[in-house]
Amino acid sequence: GKNGGAARLDGDEQFAERVSSAEPERARASQLHNLATVVPQGAIIPAVLETALNSDLPGFARAVVSRDVRSFDGSAVMIPRGSRLVGQYK
């Protein structure tokens, strides 16, 4: 065929192929000096969805933060309750 006989990949397979063949990105660690301005990676942001999610198709999602998210040391509100979150899923 037109593709030289190559099988056509769906979106998930294309993503997996891209990620698995990519060279890992190098990073340099550094110390965080002001923990009052940091939300730790992996912090859970409590939120209520405004849109339904359908994992069969890519789309957008919106949610409203239901509780203040505080800095790493707890001294400051980094994401106030009522903030809107917008994201894309594939």
PDB file of N, CA and C in Angstrom:
ATOM      1  N   GLY A   1       0.804  -1.185   0.000  1.00  0.00           N
ATOM      2  CA  GLY A   1       0.000   0.000   0.000  1.00  0.00           C
ATOM      3  C   GLY A   1       0.849   1.251   0.000  1.00  0.00           C
ATOM      4  N   LYS A   2       0.217   2.356   0.229  1.00  0.00           N
ATOM      5  CA  LYS A   2       0.857   3.676   0.265  1.00  0.00           C
ATOM      6  C   LYS A   2       1.907   3.794   1.360  1.00  0.00           C
ATOM      7  N   ASN A   3       1.669   3.109   2.498  1.00  0.00           N
ATOM      8  CA  ASN A   3       2.558   3.201   3.650  1.00  0.00           C
ATOM      9  C   ASN A   3       3.767   2.287   3.547  1.00  0.00           C
ATOM     10  N   GLY A   4       3.951   1.624   2.422  1.00  0.00           N
ATOM     11  CA  GLY A   4       5.041   0.677   2.315  1.00  0.00           C
ATOM     12  C   GLY A   4       4.795  -0.556   3.164  1.00  0.00           C
ATOM     13  N   GLY A   5       3.519  -0.889   3.383  1.00  0.00           N
ATOM     14  CA  GLY A   5       3.171  -2.082   4.136  1.00  0.00           C
ATOM     15  C   GLY A   5       3.149  -1.877   5.640  1.00  0.00           C
ATOM     16  N   ALA A   6       3.484  -0.703   6.138  1.00  0.00           N
ATOM     17  CA  ALA A   6       3.498  -0.449   7.579  1.00  0.00           C
ATOM     18  C   ALA A   6       2.070  -0.422   8.113  1.00  0.00           C
ATOM     19  N   ALA A   7       1.877  -1.032   9.274  1.00  0.00           N
ATOM     20  CA  ALA A   7       0.556  -1.033   9.896  1.00  0.00           C
ATOM     21  C   ALA A   7       0.254   0.363  10.427  1.00  0.00           C
ATOM     22  N   ARG A   8      -0.994   0.748  10.353  1.00  0.00           N
ATOM     23  CA  ARG A   8      -1.409   2.058  10.855  1.00  0.00           C
ATOM     24  C   ARG A   8      -1.596   1.977  12.369  1.00  0.00           C
ATOM     25  N   LEU A   9      -1.000   2.914  13.101  1.00  0.00           N
ATOM     26  CA  LEU A   9      -1.054   2.905  14.565  1.00  0.00           C
ATOM     27  C   LEU A   9      -2.146   3.831  15.055  1.00  0.00           C
ATOM     28  N   ASP A  10      -2.852   3.410  16.129  1.00  0.00           N
ATOM     29  CA  ASP A  10      -3.836   4.322  16.719  1.00  0.00           C
ATOM     30  C   ASP A  10      -3.108   5.329  17.611  1.00  0.00           C
ATOM     31  N   GLY A  11      -3.842   6.277  18.183  1.00  0.00           N
ATOM     32  CA  GLY A  11      -3.244   7.350  18.980  1.00  0.00           C
ATOM     33  C   GLY A  11      -2.417   6.852  20.150  1.00  0.00           C
ATOM     34  N   ASP A  12      -2.926   5.831  20.868  1.00  0.00           N
ATOM     35  CA  ASP A  12      -2.187   5.299  22.017  1.00  0.00           C
ATOM     36  C   ASP A  12      -0.883   4.648  21.573  1.00  0.00           C
ATOM     37  N   GLU A  13      -0.939   3.894  20.479  1.00  0.00           N
ATOM     38  CA  GLU A  13       0.264   3.233  19.979  1.00  0.00           C
ATOM     39  C   GLU A  13       1.292   4.254  19.486  1.00  0.00           C
ATOM     40  N   GLN A  14       0.817   5.320  18.832  1.00  0.00           N
ATOM     41  CA  GLN A  14       1.727   6.372  18.370  1.00  0.00           C
ATOM     42  C   GLN A  14       2.409   7.036  19.563  1.00  0.00           C
ATOM     43  N   PHE A  15       1.636   7.325  20.620  1.00  0.00           N
ATOM     44  CA  PHE A  15       2.198   7.937  21.816  1.00  0.00           C
ATOM     45  C   PHE A  15       3.241   7.014  22.453  1.00  0.00           C
ATOM     46  N   ALA A  16       2.897   5.735  22.592  1.00  0.00           N
ATOM     47  CA  ALA A  16       3.819   4.770  23.207  1.00  0.00           C
ATOM     48  C   ALA A  16       5.108   4.666  22.401  1.00  0.00           C
ATOM     49  N   GLU A  17       4.997   4.675  21.074  1.00  0.00           N
ATOM     50  CA  GLU A  17       6.184   4.597  20.222  1.00  0.00           C
ATOM     51  C   GLU A  17       7.061   5.837  20.391  1.00  0.00           C
ATOM     52  N   ARG A  18       6.416   7.027  20.451  1.00  0.00           N
ATOM     53  CA  ARG A  18       7.158   8.277  20.622  1.00  0.00           C
ATOM     54  C   ARG A  18       7.895   8.299  21.954  1.00  0.00           C
ATOM     55  N   VAL A  19       7.204   7.892  23.014  1.00  0.00           N
ATOM     56  CA  VAL A  19       7.784   7.940  24.358  1.00  0.00           C
ATOM     57  C   VAL A  19       8.893   6.904  24.514  1.00  0.00           C
ATOM     58  N   SER A  20       8.675   5.710  24.001  1.00  0.00           N
ATOM     59  CA  SER A  20       9.663   4.645  24.201  1.00  0.00           C
ATOM     60  C   SER A  20      10.942   4.884  23.399  1.00  0.00           C
ATOM     61  N   SER A  21      10.843   5.619  22.308  1.00  0.00           N
ATOM     62  CA  SER A  21      12.037   5.853  21.496  1.00  0.00           C
ATOM     63  C   SER A  21      12.729   7.171  21.852  1.00  0.00           C
ATOM     64  N   ALA A  22      12.127   7.941  22.745  1.00  0.00           N
ATOM     65  CA  ALA A  22      12.699   9.246  23.106  1.00  0.00           C
ATOM     66  C   ALA A  22      13.856   9.078  24.092  1.00  0.00           C
ATOM     67  N   GLU A  23      14.874   9.889  23.930  1.00  0.00           N
ATOM     68  CA  GLU A  23      16.001   9.918  24.856  1.00  0.00           C
ATOM     69  C   GLU A  23      15.535  10.611  26.138  1.00  0.00           C
ATOM     70  N   PRO A  24      15.822  10.034  27.315  1.00  0.00           N
ATOM     71  CA  PRO A  24      15.371  10.682  28.552  1.00  0.00           C
ATOM     72  C   PRO A  24      15.958  12.089  28.692  1.00  0.00           C
ATOM     73  N   GLU A  25      15.139  12.983  29.190  1.00  0.00           N
ATOM     74  CA  GLU A  25      15.591  14.360  29.401  1.00  0.00           C
ATOM     75  C   GLU A  25      16.445  14.405  30.663  1.00  0.00           C
ATOM     76  N   ARG A  26      17.593  15.053  30.572  1.00  0.00           N
ATOM     77  CA  ARG A  26      18.474  15.176  31.732  1.00  0.00           C
ATOM     78  C   ARG A  26      18.047  16.384  32.564  1.00  0.00           C
ATOM     79  N   ALA A  27      18.190  16.243  33.864  1.00  0.00           N
ATOM     80  CA  ALA A  27      17.843  17.331  34.773  1.00  0.00           C
ATOM     81  C   ALA A  27      18.955  17.496  35.796  1.00  0.00           C
ATOM     82  N   ARG A  28      19.062  18.687  36.316  1.00  0.00           N
ATOM     83  CA  ARG A  28      20.049  18.946  37.364  1.00  0.00           C
ATOM     84  C   ARG A  28      19.275  19.322  38.631  1.00  0.00           C
ATOM     85  N   ALA A  29      19.570  18.614  39.698  1.00  0.00           N
ATOM     86  CA  ALA A  29      18.895  18.874  40.967  1.00  0.00           C
ATOM     87  C   ALA A  29      19.447  20.142  41.604  1.00  0.00           C
ATOM     88  N   SER A  30      18.571  20.880  42.240  1.00  0.00           N
ATOM     89  CA  SER A  30      19.004  22.042  42.996  1.00  0.00           C
ATOM     90  C   SER A  30      18.142  22.145  44.254  1.00  0.00           C
ATOM     91  N   GLN A  31      18.647  22.834  45.240  1.00  0.00           N
ATOM     92  CA  GLN A  31      17.930  22.987  46.496  1.00  0.00           C
ATOM     93  C   GLN A  31      16.893  24.089  46.368  1.00  0.00           C
ATOM     94  N   LEU A  32      15.693  23.828  46.908  1.00  0.00           N
ATOM     95  CA  LEU A  32      14.646  24.841  46.939  1.00  0.00           C
ATOM     96  C   LEU A  32      14.890  25.727  48.153  1.00  0.00           C
ATOM     97  N   HIS A  33      15.036  27.011  47.922  1.00  0.00           N
ATOM     98  CA  HIS A  33      15.387  27.904  49.022  1.00  0.00           C
ATOM     99  C   HIS A  33      14.177  28.481  49.747  1.00  0.00           C
ATOM    100  N   ASN A  34      13.072  28.673  49.037  1.00  0.00           N
ATOM    101  CA  ASN A  34      11.912  29.296  49.666  1.00  0.00           C
ATOM    102  C   ASN A  34      10.716  28.355  49.576  1.00  0.00           C
ATOM    103  N   LEU A  35      10.525  27.533  50.593  1.00  0.00           N
ATOM    104  CA  LEU A  35       9.453  26.544  50.580  1.00  0.00           C
ATOM    105  C   LEU A  35       8.069  27.174  50.714  1.00  0.00           C
ATOM    106  N   ALA A  36       8.017  28.478  50.968  1.00  0.00           N
ATOM    107  CA  ALA A  36       6.735  29.187  51.054  1.00  0.00           C
ATOM    108  C   ALA A  36       6.158  29.462  49.667  1.00  0.00           C
ATOM    109  N   THR A  37       6.948  29.203  48.610  1.00  0.00           N
ATOM    110  CA  THR A  37       6.464  29.483  47.248  1.00  0.00           C
ATOM    111  C   THR A  37       6.412  28.223  46.390  1.00  0.00           C
ATOM    112  N   VAL A  38       6.362  27.055  47.025  1.00  0.00           N
ATOM    113  CA  VAL A  38       6.423  25.793  46.284  1.00  0.00           C
ATOM    114  C   VAL A  38       5.242  24.901  46.636  1.00  0.00           C
ATOM    115  N   VAL A  39       4.585  24.368  45.597  1.00  0.00           N
ATOM    116  CA  VAL A  39       3.625  23.280  45.776  1.00  0.00           C
ATOM    117  C   VAL A  39       4.378  22.022  45.345  1.00  0.00           C
ATOM    118  N   PRO A  40       4.508  21.031  46.221  1.00  0.00           N
ATOM    119  CA  PRO A  40       5.308  19.856  45.878  1.00  0.00           C
ATOM    120  C   PRO A  40       4.740  19.097  44.680  1.00  0.00           C
ATOM    121  N   GLN A  41       5.637  18.561  43.859  1.00  0.00           N
ATOM    122  CA  GLN A  41       5.206  17.722  42.744  1.00  0.00           C
ATOM    123  C   GLN A  41       4.417  16.549  43.301  1.00  0.00           C
ATOM    124  N   GLY A  42       3.325  16.231  42.664  1.00  0.00           N
ATOM    125  CA  GLY A  42       2.494  15.124  43.115  1.00  0.00           C
ATOM    126  C   GLY A  42       1.449  15.516  44.144  1.00  0.00           C
ATOM    127  N   ALA A  43       1.434  16.794  44.543  1.00  0.00           N
ATOM    128  CA  ALA A  43       0.422  17.244  45.502  1.00  0.00           C
ATOM    129  C   ALA A  43      -0.966  17.051  44.900  1.00  0.00           C
ATOM    130  N   ILE A  44      -1.880  16.580  45.685  1.00  0.00           N
ATOM    131  CA  ILE A  44      -3.259  16.399  45.217  1.00  0.00           C
ATOM    132  C   ILE A  44      -3.979  17.727  45.316  1.00  0.00           C
ATOM    133  N   ILE A  45      -4.627  18.102  44.227  1.00  0.00           N
ATOM    134  CA  ILE A  45      -5.416  19.332  44.185  1.00  0.00           C
ATOM    135  C   ILE A  45      -6.878  18.907  44.219  1.00  0.00           C
ATOM    136  N   PRO A  46      -7.540  19.069  45.378  1.00  0.00           N
ATOM    137  CA  PRO A  46      -8.937  18.644  45.465  1.00  0.00           C
ATOM    138  C   PRO A  46      -9.809  19.536  44.592  1.00  0.00           C
ATOM    139  N   ALA A  47     -10.576  18.912  43.700  1.00  0.00           N
ATOM    140  CA  ALA A  47     -11.383  19.686  42.757  1.00  0.00           C
ATOM    141  C   ALA A  47     -12.627  18.906  42.362  1.00  0.00           C
ATOM    142  N   VAL A  48     -13.626  19.646  41.887  1.00  0.00           N
ATOM    143  CA  VAL A  48     -14.876  19.066  41.419  1.00  0.00           C
ATOM    144  C   VAL A  48     -14.967  19.286  39.916  1.00  0.00           C
ATOM    145  N   LEU A  49     -15.158  18.200  39.180  1.00  0.00           N
ATOM    146  CA  LEU A  49     -15.265  18.304  37.721  1.00  0.00           C
ATOM    147  C   LEU A  49     -16.508  19.075  37.305  1.00  0.00           C
ATOM    148  N   GLU A  50     -16.365  19.899  36.296  1.00  0.00           N
ATOM    149  CA  GLU A  50     -17.508  20.606  35.694  1.00  0.00           C
ATOM    150  C   GLU A  50     -17.927  19.941  34.394  1.00  0.00           C
ATOM    151  N   THR A  51     -17.054  19.115  33.843  1.00  0.00           N
ATOM    152  CA  THR A  51     -17.342  18.449  32.573  1.00  0.00           C
ATOM    153  C   THR A  51     -17.230  16.942  32.767  1.00  0.00           C
ATOM    154  N   ALA A  52     -17.994  16.203  31.979  1.00  0.00           N
ATOM    155  CA  ALA A  52     -17.898  14.747  32.012  1.00  0.00           C
ATOM    156  C   ALA A  52     -16.669  14.312  31.225  1.00  0.00           C
ATOM    157  N   LEU A  53     -16.045  13.215  31.649  1.00  0.00           N
ATOM    158  CA  LEU A  53     -14.881  12.681  30.935  1.00  0.00           C
ATOM    159  C   LEU A  53     -15.309  11.445  30.164  1.00  0.00           C
ATOM    160  N   ASN A  54     -14.837  11.346  28.936  1.00  0.00           N
ATOM    161  CA  ASN A  54     -15.095  10.175  28.106  1.00  0.00           C
ATOM    162  C   ASN A  54     -13.744   9.682  27.627  1.00  0.00           C
ATOM    163  N   SER A  55     -13.265   8.590  28.203  1.00  0.00           N
ATOM    164  CA  SER A  55     -11.913   8.115  27.880  1.00  0.00           C
ATOM    165  C   SER A  55     -11.827   7.486  26.498  1.00  0.00           C
ATOM    166  N   ASP A  56     -12.961   7.330  25.812  1.00  0.00           N
ATOM    167  CA  ASP A  56     -12.934   6.784  24.449  1.00  0.00           C
ATOM    168  C   ASP A  56     -12.430   7.815  23.445  1.00  0.00           C
ATOM    169  N   LEU A  57     -12.571   9.091  23.788  1.00  0.00           N
ATOM    170  CA  LEU A  57     -12.190  10.158  22.868  1.00  0.00           C
ATOM    171  C   LEU A  57     -11.341  11.198  23.600  1.00  0.00           C
ATOM    172  N   PRO A  58     -10.394  11.838  22.897  1.00  0.00           N
ATOM    173  CA  PRO A  58      -9.654  12.936  23.529  1.00  0.00           C
ATOM    174  C   PRO A  58     -10.588  14.115  23.786  1.00  0.00           C
ATOM    175  N   GLY A  59     -10.240  14.936  24.748  1.00  0.00           N
ATOM    176  CA  GLY A  59     -11.092  16.087  25.030  1.00  0.00           C
ATOM    177  C   GLY A  59     -10.480  17.001  26.073  1.00  0.00           C
ATOM    178  N   PHE A  60     -11.292  17.926  26.522  1.00  0.00           N
ATOM    179  CA  PHE A  60     -10.875  18.889  27.536  1.00  0.00           C
ATOM    180  C   PHE A  60     -11.672  18.654  28.804  1.00  0.00           C
ATOM    181  N   ALA A  61     -11.081  19.014  29.920  1.00  0.00           N
ATOM    182  CA  ALA A  61     -11.747  18.878  31.214  1.00  0.00           C
ATOM    183  C   ALA A  61     -11.622  20.195  31.968  1.00  0.00           C
ATOM    184  N   ARG A  62     -12.667  20.514  32.734  1.00  0.00           N
ATOM    185  CA  ARG A  62     -12.641  21.700  33.594  1.00  0.00           C
ATOM    186  C   ARG A  62     -13.053  21.261  34.983  1.00  0.00           C
ATOM    187  N   ALA A  63     -12.430  21.899  35.970  1.00  0.00           N
ATOM    188  CA  ALA A  63     -12.763  21.595  37.363  1.00  0.00           C
ATOM    189  C   ALA A  63     -12.567  22.849  38.199  1.00  0.00           C
ATOM    190  N   VAL A  64     -13.201  22.852  39.375  1.00  0.00           N
ATOM    191  CA  VAL A  64     -13.066  23.964  40.324  1.00  0.00           C
ATOM    192  C   VAL A  64     -12.415  23.413  41.595  1.00  0.00           C
ATOM    193  N   VAL A  65     -11.369  24.090  42.057  1.00  0.00           N
ATOM    194  CA  VAL A  65     -10.647  23.675  43.263  1.00  0.00           C
ATOM    195  C   VAL A  65     -11.575  23.830  44.463  1.00  0.00           C
ATOM    196  N   SER A  66     -11.707  22.744  45.253  1.00  0.00           N
ATOM    197  CA  SER A  66     -12.670  22.755  46.362  1.00  0.00           C
ATOM    198  C   SER A  66     -12.065  23.139  47.711  1.00  0.00           C
ATOM    199  N   ARG A  67     -10.729  23.123  47.836  1.00  0.00           N
ATOM    200  CA  ARG A  67     -10.053  23.517  49.076  1.00  0.00           C
ATOM    201  C   ARG A  67      -8.767  24.236  48.728  1.00  0.00           C
ATOM    202  N   ASP A  68      -8.364  25.191  49.544  1.00  0.00           N
ATOM    203  CA  ASP A  68      -7.082  25.869  49.333  1.00  0.00           C
ATOM    204  C   ASP A  68      -5.945  24.843  49.278  1.00  0.00           C
ATOM    205  N   VAL A  69      -5.014  25.056  48.350  1.00  0.00           N
ATOM    206  CA  VAL A  69      -3.792  24.248  48.292  1.00  0.00           C
ATOM    207  C   VAL A  69      -2.674  25.136  48.818  1.00  0.00           C
ATOM    208  N   ARG A  70      -2.014  24.660  49.868  1.00  0.00           N
ATOM    209  CA  ARG A  70      -1.004  25.466  50.545  1.00  0.00           C
ATOM    210  C   ARG A  70       0.393  25.122  50.065  1.00  0.00           C
ATOM    211  N   SER A  71       1.325  26.018  50.330  1.00  0.00           N
ATOM    212  CA  SER A  71       2.734  25.825  49.975  1.00  0.00           C
ATOM    213  C   SER A  71       3.307  24.636  50.731  1.00  0.00           C
ATOM    214  N   PHE A  72       4.502  24.220  50.333  1.00  0.00           N
ATOM    215  CA  PHE A  72       5.167  23.076  50.946  1.00  0.00           C
ATOM    216  C   PHE A  72       5.255  23.207  52.458  1.00  0.00           C
ATOM    217  N   ASP A  73       5.585  24.399  52.936  1.00  0.00           N
ATOM    218  CA  ASP A  73       5.719  24.596  54.383  1.00  0.00           C
ATOM    219  C   ASP A  73       4.406  25.013  55.053  1.00  0.00           C
ATOM    220  N   GLY A  74       3.327  25.147  54.265  1.00  0.00           N
ATOM    221  CA  GLY A  74       2.008  25.458  54.812  1.00  0.00           C
ATOM    222  C   GLY A  74       1.771  26.921  55.127  1.00  0.00           C
ATOM    223  N   SER A  75       2.723  27.780  54.825  1.00  0.00           N
ATOM    224  CA  SER A  75       2.612  29.180  55.235  1.00  0.00           C
ATOM    225  C   SER A  75       1.791  30.047  54.270  1.00  0.00           C
ATOM    226  N   ALA A  76       1.558  29.583  53.051  1.00  0.00           N
ATOM    227  CA  ALA A  76       0.858  30.432  52.069  1.00  0.00           C
ATOM    228  C   ALA A  76      -0.107  29.607  51.241  1.00  0.00           C
ATOM    229  N   VAL A  77      -1.205  30.231  50.841  1.00  0.00           N
ATOM    230  CA  VAL A  77      -2.149  29.606  49.922  1.00  0.00           C
ATOM    231  C   VAL A  77      -1.625  29.826  48.506  1.00  0.00           C
ATOM    232  N   MET A  78      -1.333  28.732  47.809  1.00  0.00           N
ATOM    233  CA  MET A  78      -0.785  28.818  46.459  1.00  0.00           C
ATOM    234  C   MET A  78      -1.871  28.731  45.388  1.00  0.00           C
ATOM    235  N   ILE A  79      -2.884  27.889  45.648  1.00  0.00           N
ATOM    236  CA  ILE A  79      -4.025  27.762  44.735  1.00  0.00           C
ATOM    237  C   ILE A  79      -5.283  27.929  45.580  1.00  0.00           C
ATOM    238  N   PRO A  80      -5.934  29.087  45.476  1.00  0.00           N
ATOM    239  CA  PRO A  80      -7.109  29.333  46.326  1.00  0.00           C
ATOM    240  C   PRO A  80      -8.319  28.496  45.928  1.00  0.00           C
ATOM    241  N   ARG A  81      -9.137  28.161  46.923  1.00  0.00           N
ATOM    242  CA  ARG A  81     -10.412  27.494  46.672  1.00  0.00           C
ATOM    243  C   ARG A  81     -11.194  28.331  45.673  1.00  0.00           C
ATOM    244  N   GLY A  82     -11.840  27.683  44.699  1.00  0.00           N
ATOM    245  CA  GLY A  82     -12.614  28.387  43.690  1.00  0.00           C
ATOM    246  C   GLY A  82     -11.840  28.609  42.394  1.00  0.00           C
ATOM    247  N   SER A  83     -10.521  28.362  42.408  1.00  0.00           N
ATOM    248  CA  SER A  83      -9.730  28.490  41.175  1.00  0.00           C
ATOM    249  C   SER A  83     -10.227  27.474  40.162  1.00  0.00           C
ATOM    250  N   ARG A  84     -10.135  27.826  38.886  1.00  0.00           N
ATOM    251  CA  ARG A  84     -10.555  26.913  37.827  1.00  0.00           C
ATOM    252  C   ARG A  84      -9.348  26.214  37.228  1.00  0.00           C
ATOM    253  N   LEU A  85      -9.504  24.912  37.021  1.00  0.00           N
ATOM    254  CA  LEU A  85      -8.477  24.104  36.373  1.00  0.00           C
ATOM    255  C   LEU A  85      -8.976  23.723  34.994  1.00  0.00           C
ATOM    256  N   VAL A  86      -8.121  23.822  34.003  1.00  0.00           N
ATOM    257  CA  VAL A  86      -8.478  23.435  32.634  1.00  0.00           C
ATOM    258  C   VAL A  86      -7.377  22.526  32.122  1.00  0.00           C
ATOM    259  N   GLY A  87      -7.760  21.414  31.534  1.00  0.00           N
ATOM    260  CA  GLY A  87      -6.758  20.479  31.031  1.00  0.00           C
ATOM    261  C   GLY A  87      -7.260  19.717  29.831  1.00  0.00           C
ATOM    262  N   GLN A  88      -6.339  19.055  29.179  1.00  0.00           N
ATOM    263  CA  GLN A  88      -6.653  18.253  28.002  1.00  0.00           C
ATOM    264  C   GLN A  88      -6.253  16.816  28.294  1.00  0.00           C
ATOM    265  N   TYR A  89      -7.071  15.864  27.866  1.00  0.00           N
ATOM    266  CA  TYR A  89      -6.723  14.457  28.027  1.00  0.00           C
ATOM    267  C   TYR A  89      -6.802  13.774  26.674  1.00  0.00           C
ATOM    268  N   LYS A  90      -5.997  12.725  26.542  1.00  0.00           N
ATOM    269  CA  LYS A  90      -5.953  11.981  25.273  1.00  0.00           C
ATOM    270  C   LYS A  90      -6.155  10.519  25.529  1.00  0.00           C
TER     271      LYS A  90
END
